[in-house]
PDB file of N, CA and C in Angstrom:
ATOM      1  N   MET A   1       0.712  -0.719  -0.037  1.00  0.00           N
ATOM      2  CA  MET A   1       0.337  -0.328  -0.009  1.00  0.00           C
ATOM      3  C   MET A   1       0.810   1.178   0.264  1.00  0.00           C
ATOM      4  N   THR A   2       2.002   1.663  -0.761  1.00  0.00           N
ATOM      5  CA  THR A   2       2.652   2.254  -0.752  1.00  0.00           C
ATOM      6  C   THR A   2       2.678   2.763  -2.302  1.00  0.00           C
ATOM      7  N   ARG A   3       1.759   4.098  -1.964  1.00  0.00           N
ATOM      8  CA  ARG A   3       1.540   5.128  -3.582  1.00  0.00           C
ATOM      9  C   ARG A   3       2.051   6.608  -3.062  1.00  0.00           C
ATOM     10  N   GLY A   4       2.852   6.248  -2.169  1.00  0.00           N
ATOM     11  CA  GLY A   4       3.914   7.463  -2.709  1.00  0.00           C
ATOM     12  C   GLY A   4       2.994   8.702  -2.553  1.00  0.00           C
ATOM     13  N   ASN A   5       3.529   9.997  -3.295  1.00  0.00           N
ATOM     14  CA  ASN A   5       2.705  11.136  -3.551  1.00  0.00           C
ATOM     15  C   ASN A   5       1.893  10.986  -4.596  1.00  0.00           C
ATOM     16  N   GLN A   6       1.219   9.997  -5.189  1.00  0.00           N
ATOM     17  CA  GLN A   6       0.426   9.998  -6.231  1.00  0.00           C
ATOM     18  C   GLN A   6      -0.939  10.779  -5.923  1.00  0.00           C
ATOM     19  N   ARG A   7      -1.101  10.154  -4.471  1.00  0.00           N
ATOM     20  CA  ARG A   7      -3.037  10.758  -4.648  1.00  0.00           C
ATOM     21  C   ARG A   7      -2.651  12.249  -3.960  1.00  0.00           C
ATOM     22  N   ASP A   8      -1.622  13.399  -3.940  1.00  0.00           N
ATOM     23  CA  ASP A   8      -1.632  14.067  -3.718  1.00  0.00           C
ATOM     24  C   ASP A   8      -1.030  15.195  -5.196  1.00  0.00           C
ATOM     25  N   THR A   9      -0.543  14.570  -5.340  1.00  0.00           N
ATOM     26  CA  THR A   9      -0.055  14.897  -7.003  1.00  0.00           C
ATOM     27  C   THR A   9      -1.182  14.827  -7.543  1.00  0.00           C
ATOM     28  N   ASP A  10      -2.035  13.819  -7.769  1.00  0.00           N
ATOM     29  CA  ASP A  10      -2.861  13.376  -8.643  1.00  0.00           C
ATOM     30  C   ASP A  10      -4.064  14.633  -7.590  1.00  0.00           C
ATOM     31  N   ARG A  11      -4.330  15.059  -6.650  1.00  0.00           N
ATOM     32  CA  ARG A  11      -5.292  16.066  -6.200  1.00  0.00           C
ATOM     33  C   ARG A  11      -4.558  17.556  -6.752  1.00  0.00           C
ATOM     34  N   ALA A  12      -4.069  17.561  -6.785  1.00  0.00           N
ATOM     35  CA  ALA A  12      -3.273  19.076  -7.489  1.00  0.00           C
ATOM     36  C   ALA A  12      -3.574  19.214  -8.669  1.00  0.00           C
ATOM     37  N   LYS A  13      -3.293  17.938  -9.605  1.00  0.00           N
ATOM     38  CA  LYS A  13      -3.541  17.922 -10.983  1.00  0.00           C
ATOM     39  C   LYS A  13      -5.149  18.139 -11.064  1.00  0.00           C
ATOM     40  N   ALA A  14      -5.968  17.929 -10.587  1.00  0.00           N
ATOM     41  CA  ALA A  14      -7.303  17.946 -10.526  1.00  0.00           C
ATOM     42  C   ALA A  14      -7.967  19.254 -10.122  1.00  0.00           C
ATOM     43  N   ALA A  15      -7.426  20.004  -9.045  1.00  0.00           N
ATOM     44  CA  ALA A  15      -7.271  21.236  -8.437  1.00  0.00           C
ATOM     45  C   ALA A  15      -6.932  22.398  -9.603  1.00  0.00           C
ATOM     46  N   LYS A  16      -6.098  21.678 -10.644  1.00  0.00           N
ATOM     47  CA  LYS A  16      -5.304  23.216 -11.689  1.00  0.00           C
ATOM     48  C   LYS A  16      -6.339  22.945 -12.394  1.00  0.00           C
ATOM     49  N   LYS A  17      -6.890  21.557 -12.969  1.00  0.00           N
ATOM     50  CA  LYS A  17      -7.622  21.542 -14.176  1.00  0.00           C
ATOM     51  C   LYS A  17      -8.907  21.620 -13.636  1.00  0.00           C
ATOM     52  N   GLN A  18      -9.646  22.115 -12.745  1.00  0.00           N
ATOM     53  CA  GLN A  18     -10.489  22.271 -12.333  1.00  0.00           C
ATOM     54  C   GLN A  18     -10.563  23.788 -12.179  1.00  0.00           C
ATOM     55  N   ALA A  19      -9.560  24.564 -11.422  1.00  0.00           N
ATOM     56  CA  ALA A  19      -9.142  26.002 -11.687  1.00  0.00           C
ATOM     57  C   ALA A  19      -9.345  26.115 -13.171  1.00  0.00           C
ATOM     58  N   ALA A  20      -8.545  25.916 -13.908  1.00  0.00           N
ATOM     59  CA  ALA A  20      -8.171  26.349 -15.232  1.00  0.00           C
ATOM     60  C   ALA A  20      -9.912  26.134 -16.162  1.00  0.00           C
ATOM     61  N   LEU A  21     -10.501  25.368 -15.966  1.00  0.00           N
ATOM     62  CA  LEU A  21     -12.267  25.072 -16.346  1.00  0.00           C
ATOM     63  C   LEU A  21     -13.443  26.079 -16.123  1.00  0.00           C
ATOM     64  N   ASN A  22     -12.992  26.780 -14.566  1.00  0.00           N
ATOM     65  CA  ASN A  22     -13.998  27.706 -13.442  1.00  0.00           C
ATOM     66  C   ASN A  22     -13.272  29.069 -14.539  1.00  0.00           C
ATOM     67  N   LYS A  23     -11.624  29.305 -15.048  1.00  0.00           N
ATOM     68  CA  LYS A  23     -11.650  30.617 -15.372  1.00  0.00           C
ATOM     69  C   LYS A  23     -12.456  30.685 -16.968  1.00  0.00           C
ATOM     70  N   SER A  24     -11.658  29.484 -17.683  1.00  0.00           N
ATOM     71  CA  SER A  24     -11.953  29.542 -18.879  1.00  0.00           C
ATOM     72  C   SER A  24     -13.655  29.701 -19.516  1.00  0.00           C
ATOM     73  N   LYS A  25     -14.665  29.942 -18.571  1.00  0.00           N
ATOM     74  CA  LYS A  25     -16.063  29.781 -18.547  1.00  0.00           C
ATOM     75  C   LYS A  25     -16.011  31.305 -18.936  1.00  0.00           C
ATOM     76  N   ALA A  26     -16.899  31.982 -19.410  1.00  0.00           N
ATOM     77  CA  ALA A  26     -17.351  33.495 -19.386  1.00  0.00           C
ATOM     78  C   ALA A  26     -18.201  33.687 -18.327  1.00  0.00           C
ATOM     79  N   LYS A  27     -18.208  34.578 -17.234  1.00  0.00           N
ATOM     80  CA  LYS A  27     -19.555  34.807 -16.718  1.00  0.00           C
ATOM     81  C   LYS A  27     -19.930  35.811 -17.575  1.00  0.00           C
ATOM     82  N   GLU A  28     -21.519  35.859 -17.252  1.00  0.00           N
ATOM     83  CA  GLU A  28     -22.224  36.473 -17.800  1.00  0.00           C
ATOM     84  C   GLU A  28     -23.266  37.239 -16.415  1.00  0.00           C
ATOM     85  N   SER A  29     -23.407  38.832 -16.467  1.00  0.00           N
ATOM     86  CA  SER A  29     -24.304  39.128 -15.675  1.00  0.00           C
ATOM     87  C   SER A  29     -24.994  38.736 -15.579  1.00  0.00           C
ATOM     88  N   ASN A  30     -26.015  39.119 -14.695  1.00  0.00           N
ATOM     89  CA  ASN A  30     -27.572  39.012 -14.115  1.00  0.00           C
ATOM     90  C   ASN A  30     -28.232  39.543 -15.800  1.00  0.00           C
ATOM     91  N   THR A  31     -27.836  41.157 -15.631  1.00  0.00           N
ATOM     92  CA  THR A  31     -28.671  41.674 -17.006  1.00  0.00           C
ATOM     93  C   THR A  31     -28.578  41.312 -18.616  1.00  0.00           C
ATOM     94  N   SER A  32     -27.557  41.020 -18.230  1.00  0.00           N
ATOM     95  CA  SER A  32     -26.741  40.220 -20.348  1.00  0.00           C
ATOM     96  C   SER A  32     -28.089  38.606 -19.808  1.00  0.00           C
ATOM     97  N   LEU A  33     -27.508  37.536 -19.014  1.00  0.00           N
ATOM     98  CA  LEU A  33     -28.449  36.629 -18.806  1.00  0.00           C
ATOM     99  C   LEU A  33     -29.696  36.764 -19.168  1.00  0.00           C
ATOM    100  N   ALA A  34     -30.470  37.722 -18.333  1.00  0.00           N
ATOM    101  CA  ALA A  34     -31.598  37.958 -18.582  1.00  0.00           C
ATOM    102  C   ALA A  34     -32.216  38.186 -20.177  1.00  0.00           C
ATOM    103  N   LYS A  35     -31.407  39.404 -20.688  1.00  0.00           N
ATOM    104  CA  LYS A  35     -31.867  39.672 -22.195  1.00  0.00           C
ATOM    105  C   LYS A  35     -31.318  38.570 -23.062  1.00  0.00           C
ATOM    106  N   ARG A  36     -30.754  37.522 -22.861  1.00  0.00           N
ATOM    107  CA  ARG A  36     -30.239  36.137 -23.559  1.00  0.00           C
ATOM    108  C   ARG A  36     -31.468  35.572 -23.358  1.00  0.00           C
ATOM    109  N   LYS A  37     -31.696  35.421 -22.635  1.00  0.00           N
ATOM    110  CA  LYS A  37     -33.491  34.707 -21.933  1.00  0.00           C
ATOM    111  C   LYS A  37     -34.313  35.094 -22.225  1.00  0.00           C
ATOM    112  N   GLU A  38     -34.495  36.585 -22.531  1.00  0.00           N
ATOM    113  CA  GLU A  38     -36.189  36.933 -23.175  1.00  0.00           C
ATOM    114  C   GLU A  38     -36.286  36.863 -24.703  1.00  0.00           C
ATOM    115  N   ALA A  39     -34.531  36.742 -25.218  1.00  0.00           N
ATOM    116  CA  ALA A  39     -34.445  37.132 -26.880  1.00  0.00           C
ATOM    117  C   ALA A  39     -34.322  35.660 -27.153  1.00  0.00           C
ATOM    118  N   ASP A  40     -34.414  34.275 -26.819  1.00  0.00           N
ATOM    119  CA  ASP A  40     -34.481  33.175 -26.539  1.00  0.00           C
ATOM    120  C   ASP A  40     -35.877  32.634 -26.681  1.00  0.00           C
ATOM    121  N   ALA A  41     -36.275  33.207 -25.929  1.00  0.00           N
ATOM    122  CA  ALA A  41     -37.839  33.028 -25.189  1.00  0.00           C
ATOM    123  C   ALA A  41     -38.520  33.886 -26.906  1.00  0.00           C
ATOM    124  N   GLU A  42     -38.596  34.744 -26.914  1.00  0.00           N
ATOM    125  CA  GLU A  42     -39.085  35.623 -28.389  1.00  0.00           C
ATOM    126  C   GLU A  42     -38.416  34.776 -29.605  1.00  0.00           C
ATOM    127  N   ILE A  43     -37.640  33.685 -29.833  1.00  0.00           N
ATOM    128  CA  ILE A  43     -37.608  32.940 -31.060  1.00  0.00           C
ATOM    129  C   ILE A  43     -38.503  31.843 -30.778  1.00  0.00           C
ATOM    130  N   LEU A  44     -38.090  31.211 -29.446  1.00  0.00           N
ATOM    131  CA  LEU A  44     -39.515  30.633 -29.306  1.00  0.00           C
ATOM    132  C   LEU A  44     -41.207  30.821 -29.757  1.00  0.00           C
ATOM    133  N   ARG A  45     -41.011  31.810 -29.232  1.00  0.00           N
ATOM    134  CA  ARG A  45     -42.348  32.360 -29.534  1.00  0.00           C
ATOM    135  C   ARG A  45     -42.631  32.513 -30.900  1.00  0.00           C
ATOM    136  N   ALA A  46     -41.446  33.255 -32.217  1.00  0.00           N
ATOM    137  CA  ALA A  46     -42.372  33.364 -33.395  1.00  0.00           C
ATOM    138  C   ALA A  46     -42.104  31.659 -34.025  1.00  0.00           C
ATOM    139  N   LYS A  47     -41.228  31.148 -33.364  1.00  0.00           N
ATOM    140  CA  LYS A  47     -41.337  29.688 -34.236  1.00  0.00           C
ATOM    141  C   LYS A  47     -42.922  29.426 -33.627  1.00  0.00           C
ATOM    142  N   GLN A  48     -43.586  29.176 -32.457  1.00  0.00           N
ATOM    143  CA  GLN A  48     -44.413  28.837 -32.172  1.00  0.00           C
ATOM    144  C   GLN A  48     -45.585  28.844 -32.993  1.00  0.00           C
ATOM    145  N   LYS A  49     -45.773  30.069 -32.985  1.00  0.00           N
ATOM    146  CA  LYS A  49     -46.474  31.214 -33.628  1.00  0.00           C
ATOM    147  C   LYS A  49     -46.607  30.285 -35.444  1.00  0.00           C
ATOM    148  N   LYS A  50     -45.685  30.676 -36.030  1.00  0.00           N
ATOM    149  CA  LYS A  50     -45.216  30.312 -36.887  1.00  0.00           C
ATOM    150  C   LYS A  50     -45.976  28.884 -37.334  1.00  0.00           C
ATOM    151  N   ARG A  51     -45.119  27.830 -36.706  1.00  0.00           N
ATOM    152  CA  ARG A  51     -45.646  26.628 -36.463  1.00  0.00           C
ATOM    153  C   ARG A  51     -47.997  26.816 -36.354  1.00  0.00           C
ATOM    154  N   ASP A  52     -48.334  27.008 -35.250  1.00  0.00           N
ATOM    155  CA  ASP A  52     -49.639  27.542 -35.238  1.00  0.00           C
ATOM    156  C   ASP A  52     -50.129  27.819 -36.684  1.00  0.00           C
ATOM    157  N   GLU A  53     -49.171  28.539 -37.373  1.00  0.00           N
ATOM    158  CA  GLU A  53     -50.074  29.374 -38.617  1.00  0.00           C
ATOM    159  C   GLU A  53     -49.841  28.004 -39.728  1.00  0.00           C
ATOM    160  N   GLU A  54     -49.141  27.561 -39.901  1.00  0.00           N
ATOM    161  CA  GLU A  54     -49.212  26.286 -40.868  1.00  0.00           C
ATOM    162  C   GLU A  54     -50.141  25.686 -40.188  1.00  0.00           C
ATOM    163  N   LYS A  55     -50.351  25.144 -38.923  1.00  0.00           N
ATOM    164  CA  LYS A  55     -51.263  23.690 -38.918  1.00  0.00           C
ATOM    165  C   LYS A  55     -52.493  24.685 -38.903  1.00  0.00           C
ATOM    166  N   ALA A  56     -52.624  25.374 -38.903  1.00  0.00           N
ATOM    167  CA  ALA A  56     -54.287  26.405 -39.390  1.00  0.00           C
ATOM    168  C   ALA A  56     -54.243  26.226 -41.107  1.00  0.00           C
ATOM    169  N   SER A  57     -53.601  26.893 -41.784  1.00  0.00           N
ATOM    170  CA  SER A  57     -53.478  26.844 -43.043  1.00  0.00           C
ATOM    171  C   SER A  57     -53.794  25.114 -43.081  1.00  0.00           C
ATOM    172  N   GLU A  58     -52.800  24.442 -43.167  1.00  0.00           N
ATOM    173  CA  GLU A  58     -52.922  23.012 -43.715  1.00  0.00           C
ATOM    174  C   GLU A  58     -54.680  22.372 -43.181  1.00  0.00           C
ATOM    175  N   ALA A  59     -55.181  23.055 -42.264  1.00  0.00           N
ATOM    176  CA  ALA A  59     -56.636  22.503 -41.871  1.00  0.00           C
ATOM    177  C   ALA A  59     -57.882  22.491 -42.050  1.00  0.00           C
ATOM    178  N   ALA A  60     -57.349  24.302 -42.861  1.00  0.00           N
ATOM    179  CA  ALA A  60     -58.032  25.055 -43.948  1.00  0.00           C
ATOM    180  C   ALA A  60     -57.990  24.252 -45.041  1.00  0.00           C
ATOM    181  N   ALA A  61     -56.763  23.945 -45.355  1.00  0.00           N
ATOM    182  CA  ALA A  61     -56.965  23.363 -46.823  1.00  0.00           C
ATOM    183  C   ALA A  61     -57.442  21.747 -46.896  1.00  0.00           C
ATOM    184  N   ASN A  62     -57.335  20.930 -46.450  1.00  0.00           N
ATOM    185  CA  ASN A  62     -58.175  19.537 -45.633  1.00  0.00           C
ATOM    186  C   ASN A  62     -59.365  19.584 -45.879  1.00  0.00           C
ATOM    187  N   ALA A  63     -59.832  20.726 -44.893  1.00  0.00           N
ATOM    188  CA  ALA A  63     -61.331  20.754 -44.385  1.00  0.00           C
ATOM    189  C   ALA A  63     -61.654  21.538 -45.601  1.00  0.00           C
ATOM    190  N   ALA A  64     -61.142  22.332 -47.101  1.00  0.00           N
ATOM    191  CA  ALA A  64     -61.767  22.609 -48.242  1.00  0.00           C
ATOM    192  C   ALA A  64     -61.729  21.341 -48.932  1.00  0.00           C
ATOM    193  N   LYS A  65     -60.543  20.468 -49.039  1.00  0.00           N
ATOM    194  CA  LYS A  65     -60.783  19.403 -49.400  1.00  0.00           C
ATOM    195  C   LYS A  65     -61.569  18.482 -49.519  1.00  0.00           C
ATOM    196  N   SER A  66     -62.035  18.264 -48.477  1.00  0.00           N
ATOM    197  CA  SER A  66     -63.534  18.058 -47.898  1.00  0.00           C
ATOM    198  C   SER A  66     -64.486  17.975 -48.634  1.00  0.00           C
ATOM    199  N   ILE A  67     -64.597  18.774 -48.210  1.00  0.00           N
ATOM    200  CA  ILE A  67     -66.211  19.357 -48.481  1.00  0.00           C
ATOM    201  C   ILE A  67     -66.404  19.135 -50.532  1.00  0.00           C
TER     202      ILE A  67
END
């Protein structure tokens, strides 16, 4: 059960890697986060509206065919 200092070096290596990961992540302020969320929500609402309009026109076309 002689591992020497392997455990300590592995812990130091993992801490260094984690610190580099945390440092590389861009910090986003609350205002920019809220703006991004609102922009994403607006895009999704536009997509949903377009999809609903397509379904409505398709349903109207199908209703016209069946008459």
